[in-house]
Amino acid sequence: MLIQLSGREAMLMEHLASAAGATVSRGAIDTLLGHTHSDPESRRLDAALRRLRMKARAAGVDLPLHIVHAAGVRFVGTLTVV
């Protein structure tokens, strides 16, 4: 199933998938997305993940993303970029 992603969404998904199942910290994701000041209270990442999940659900797909409490995000699946 193809899902149309923005540039930042695609970059985030590629980065998570390239971590090969490892947990990527919120700070590392903030840096990847160009946020120089990581605010622990910020919900930017949560909002980005919510948008990704909404796009995936609209396409009939469940994203293999796992939020690891107080650690970050883990991608456990396969990703094909076209």
N, C-alpha and C. Protein backbone atom coordinates (compact mmCIF):
# COMPACT_ATOMS: atom_id res chain seq x y z
N MET A 1 0.84 -1.18 0.00
CA MET A 1 0.00 0.00 0.00
C MET A 1 0.89 1.23 0.00
N LEU A 2 0.60 2.18 -0.86
CA LEU A 2 1.34 3.44 -0.92
C LEU A 2 0.65 4.49 -0.08
N ILE A 3 1.45 5.24 0.67
CA ILE A 3 0.94 6.34 1.48
C ILE A 3 1.74 7.58 1.10
N GLN A 4 1.05 8.62 0.70
CA GLN A 4 1.70 9.88 0.33
C GLN A 4 2.15 10.60 1.60
N LEU A 5 3.46 10.83 1.74
CA LEU A 5 4.02 11.48 2.92
C LEU A 5 4.66 12.81 2.55
N SER A 6 4.68 13.72 3.51
CA SER A 6 5.43 14.96 3.32
C SER A 6 6.92 14.62 3.40
N GLY A 7 7.76 15.56 3.05
CA GLY A 7 9.21 15.33 3.12
C GLY A 7 9.67 14.98 4.52
N ARG A 8 9.19 15.72 5.51
CA ARG A 8 9.57 15.44 6.90
C ARG A 8 9.05 14.09 7.37
N GLU A 9 7.83 13.75 6.99
CA GLU A 9 7.27 12.46 7.37
C GLU A 9 8.08 11.33 6.76
N ALA A 10 8.45 11.48 5.50
CA ALA A 10 9.26 10.45 4.83
C ALA A 10 10.62 10.32 5.50
N MET A 11 11.23 11.46 5.83
CA MET A 11 12.53 11.45 6.49
C MET A 11 12.43 10.75 7.85
N LEU A 12 11.38 11.04 8.59
CA LEU A 12 11.17 10.41 9.89
C LEU A 12 11.00 8.90 9.75
N MET A 13 10.16 8.47 8.83
CA MET A 13 9.93 7.04 8.64
C MET A 13 11.20 6.33 8.18
N GLU A 14 11.93 6.92 7.27
CA GLU A 14 13.19 6.29 6.81
C GLU A 14 14.17 6.17 7.96
N HIS A 15 14.27 7.20 8.79
CA HIS A 15 15.20 7.17 9.91
C HIS A 15 14.81 6.08 10.92
N LEU A 16 13.53 6.02 11.24
CA LEU A 16 13.08 5.00 12.18
C LEU A 16 13.29 3.60 11.62
N ALA A 17 12.98 3.41 10.34
CA ALA A 17 13.16 2.09 9.72
C ALA A 17 14.63 1.70 9.65
N SER A 18 15.52 2.67 9.42
CA SER A 18 16.95 2.36 9.31
C SER A 18 17.56 1.99 10.66
N ALA A 19 16.85 2.29 11.75
CA ALA A 19 17.36 1.93 13.08
C ALA A 19 17.20 0.44 13.36
N ALA A 20 16.59 -0.28 12.45
CA ALA A 20 16.49 -1.74 12.51
C ALA A 20 15.90 -2.26 13.82
N GLY A 21 14.78 -1.67 14.23
CA GLY A 21 14.10 -2.15 15.43
C GLY A 21 14.59 -1.55 16.74
N ALA A 22 15.65 -0.74 16.67
CA ALA A 22 16.16 -0.09 17.88
C ALA A 22 15.28 1.11 18.22
N THR A 23 15.24 1.48 19.47
CA THR A 23 14.49 2.64 19.90
C THR A 23 15.28 3.89 19.57
N VAL A 24 14.63 4.83 18.89
CA VAL A 24 15.25 6.12 18.54
C VAL A 24 14.72 7.14 19.54
N SER A 25 15.61 7.86 20.19
CA SER A 25 15.20 8.79 21.24
C SER A 25 14.45 9.98 20.66
N ARG A 26 13.61 10.58 21.50
CA ARG A 26 12.87 11.78 21.10
C ARG A 26 13.84 12.89 20.72
N GLY A 27 14.94 13.01 21.47
CA GLY A 27 15.94 14.03 21.17
C GLY A 27 16.57 13.85 19.80
N ALA A 28 16.87 12.60 19.45
CA ALA A 28 17.45 12.32 18.13
C ALA A 28 16.46 12.65 17.03
N ILE A 29 15.19 12.38 17.27
CA ILE A 29 14.17 12.68 16.27
C ILE A 29 13.99 14.19 16.14
N ASP A 30 13.99 14.90 17.27
CA ASP A 30 13.90 16.36 17.22
C ASP A 30 15.04 16.94 16.39
N THR A 31 16.25 16.44 16.62
CA THR A 31 17.41 16.91 15.87
C THR A 31 17.25 16.61 14.39
N LEU A 32 16.81 15.41 14.06
CA LEU A 32 16.58 15.02 12.67
C LEU A 32 15.60 15.96 11.98
N LEU A 33 14.56 16.36 12.70
CA LEU A 33 13.54 17.22 12.13
C LEU A 33 13.90 18.71 12.17
N GLY A 34 15.12 19.01 12.64
CA GLY A 34 15.60 20.38 12.61
C GLY A 34 15.23 21.22 13.81
N HIS A 35 14.80 20.60 14.88
CA HIS A 35 14.46 21.33 16.10
C HIS A 35 15.71 21.37 16.97
N THR A 36 16.32 22.56 17.07
CA THR A 36 17.60 22.67 17.77
C THR A 36 17.46 22.64 19.29
N HIS A 37 16.31 23.02 19.81
CA HIS A 37 16.10 23.01 21.26
C HIS A 37 15.04 21.97 21.59
N SER A 38 15.49 20.88 22.17
CA SER A 38 14.57 19.80 22.53
C SER A 38 13.87 20.15 23.84
N ASP A 39 12.57 20.33 23.78
CA ASP A 39 11.76 20.65 24.95
C ASP A 39 11.03 19.39 25.37
N PRO A 40 11.30 18.89 26.58
CA PRO A 40 10.65 17.65 27.01
C PRO A 40 9.13 17.76 27.08
N GLU A 41 8.59 18.94 27.17
CA GLU A 41 7.15 19.15 27.23
C GLU A 41 6.53 19.29 25.84
N SER A 42 7.37 19.38 24.81
CA SER A 42 6.86 19.58 23.46
C SER A 42 6.10 18.35 22.97
N ARG A 43 5.08 18.59 22.22
CA ARG A 43 4.27 17.50 21.65
C ARG A 43 4.42 17.45 20.14
N ARG A 44 5.49 18.06 19.61
CA ARG A 44 5.72 18.05 18.15
C ARG A 44 5.79 16.64 17.60
N LEU A 45 6.57 15.79 18.26
CA LEU A 45 6.71 14.42 17.78
C LEU A 45 5.39 13.67 17.86
N ASP A 46 4.67 13.86 18.95
CA ASP A 46 3.38 13.19 19.10
C ASP A 46 2.42 13.62 17.98
N ALA A 47 2.44 14.91 17.66
CA ALA A 47 1.57 15.41 16.59
C ALA A 47 1.97 14.81 15.24
N ALA A 48 3.28 14.73 14.98
CA ALA A 48 3.77 14.15 13.72
C ALA A 48 3.38 12.68 13.61
N LEU A 49 3.52 11.94 14.70
CA LEU A 49 3.14 10.53 14.70
C LEU A 49 1.64 10.35 14.53
N ARG A 50 0.86 11.24 15.14
CA ARG A 50 -0.59 11.18 14.98
C ARG A 50 -0.98 11.39 13.52
N ARG A 51 -0.35 12.37 12.85
CA ARG A 51 -0.64 12.61 11.43
C ARG A 51 -0.26 11.40 10.58
N LEU A 52 0.90 10.80 10.88
CA LEU A 52 1.32 9.61 10.14
C LEU A 52 0.32 8.47 10.32
N ARG A 53 -0.11 8.25 11.55
CA ARG A 53 -1.06 7.16 11.82
C ARG A 53 -2.40 7.42 11.14
N MET A 54 -2.83 8.69 11.10
CA MET A 54 -4.09 9.02 10.44
C MET A 54 -4.00 8.73 8.94
N LYS A 55 -2.88 9.09 8.32
CA LYS A 55 -2.68 8.82 6.89
C LYS A 55 -2.68 7.32 6.64
N ALA A 56 -2.00 6.58 7.51
CA ALA A 56 -1.92 5.13 7.34
C ALA A 56 -3.31 4.49 7.51
N ARG A 57 -4.05 4.92 8.52
CA ARG A 57 -5.39 4.36 8.74
C ARG A 57 -6.30 4.64 7.55
N ALA A 58 -6.18 5.84 6.99
CA ALA A 58 -7.00 6.20 5.82
C ALA A 58 -6.68 5.28 4.64
N ALA A 59 -5.45 4.76 4.60
CA ALA A 59 -5.03 3.84 3.54
C ALA A 59 -5.26 2.38 3.94
N GLY A 60 -5.81 2.16 5.13
CA GLY A 60 -6.08 0.79 5.58
C GLY A 60 -4.86 0.06 6.09
N VAL A 61 -3.89 0.80 6.63
CA VAL A 61 -2.63 0.21 7.10
C VAL A 61 -2.41 0.60 8.56
N ASP A 62 -1.87 -0.32 9.35
CA ASP A 62 -1.42 -0.01 10.70
C ASP A 62 0.09 0.17 10.66
N LEU A 63 0.56 1.32 11.12
CA LEU A 63 2.01 1.55 11.13
C LEU A 63 2.65 0.74 12.25
N PRO A 64 3.75 0.09 11.96
CA PRO A 64 4.43 -0.69 12.99
C PRO A 64 5.34 0.19 13.85
N LEU A 65 4.73 1.19 14.50
CA LEU A 65 5.46 2.09 15.38
C LEU A 65 5.09 1.79 16.82
N HIS A 66 6.10 1.73 17.66
CA HIS A 66 5.87 1.48 19.08
C HIS A 66 6.49 2.63 19.86
N ILE A 67 5.70 3.27 20.70
CA ILE A 67 6.21 4.31 21.59
C ILE A 67 6.79 3.60 22.81
N VAL A 68 8.03 3.89 23.11
CA VAL A 68 8.69 3.30 24.27
C VAL A 68 8.76 4.39 25.34
N HIS A 69 7.97 4.21 26.39
CA HIS A 69 7.84 5.23 27.43
C HIS A 69 9.20 5.71 27.93
N ALA A 70 9.35 7.01 27.96
CA ALA A 70 10.56 7.69 28.45
C ALA A 70 11.81 7.34 27.65
N ALA A 71 11.65 6.76 26.47
CA ALA A 71 12.82 6.40 25.67
C ALA A 71 12.74 6.93 24.24
N GLY A 72 11.64 6.71 23.55
CA GLY A 72 11.54 7.15 22.17
C GLY A 72 10.55 6.34 21.36
N VAL A 73 10.92 6.09 20.11
CA VAL A 73 10.04 5.40 19.18
C VAL A 73 10.80 4.27 18.51
N ARG A 74 10.12 3.14 18.32
CA ARG A 74 10.73 1.98 17.65
C ARG A 74 9.84 1.61 16.47
N PHE A 75 10.47 1.36 15.32
CA PHE A 75 9.78 0.90 14.11
C PHE A 75 10.07 -0.59 13.97
N VAL A 76 9.02 -1.39 13.96
CA VAL A 76 9.19 -2.84 13.85
C VAL A 76 8.39 -3.33 12.66
N GLY A 77 8.98 -3.27 11.52
CA GLY A 77 8.31 -3.68 10.30
C GLY A 77 9.24 -3.49 9.12
N THR A 78 8.67 -3.46 7.95
CA THR A 78 9.46 -3.21 6.75
C THR A 78 8.93 -1.93 6.09
N LEU A 79 9.81 -1.29 5.36
CA LEU A 79 9.46 -0.04 4.70
C LEU A 79 10.05 -0.07 3.30
N THR A 80 9.23 0.27 2.34
CA THR A 80 9.69 0.41 0.95
C THR A 80 9.46 1.84 0.53
N VAL A 81 10.52 2.50 0.08
CA VAL A 81 10.43 3.89 -0.36
C VAL A 81 10.42 3.90 -1.88
N VAL A 82 9.43 4.56 -2.45
CA VAL A 82 9.35 4.68 -3.92
C VAL A 82 9.38 6.12 -4.34
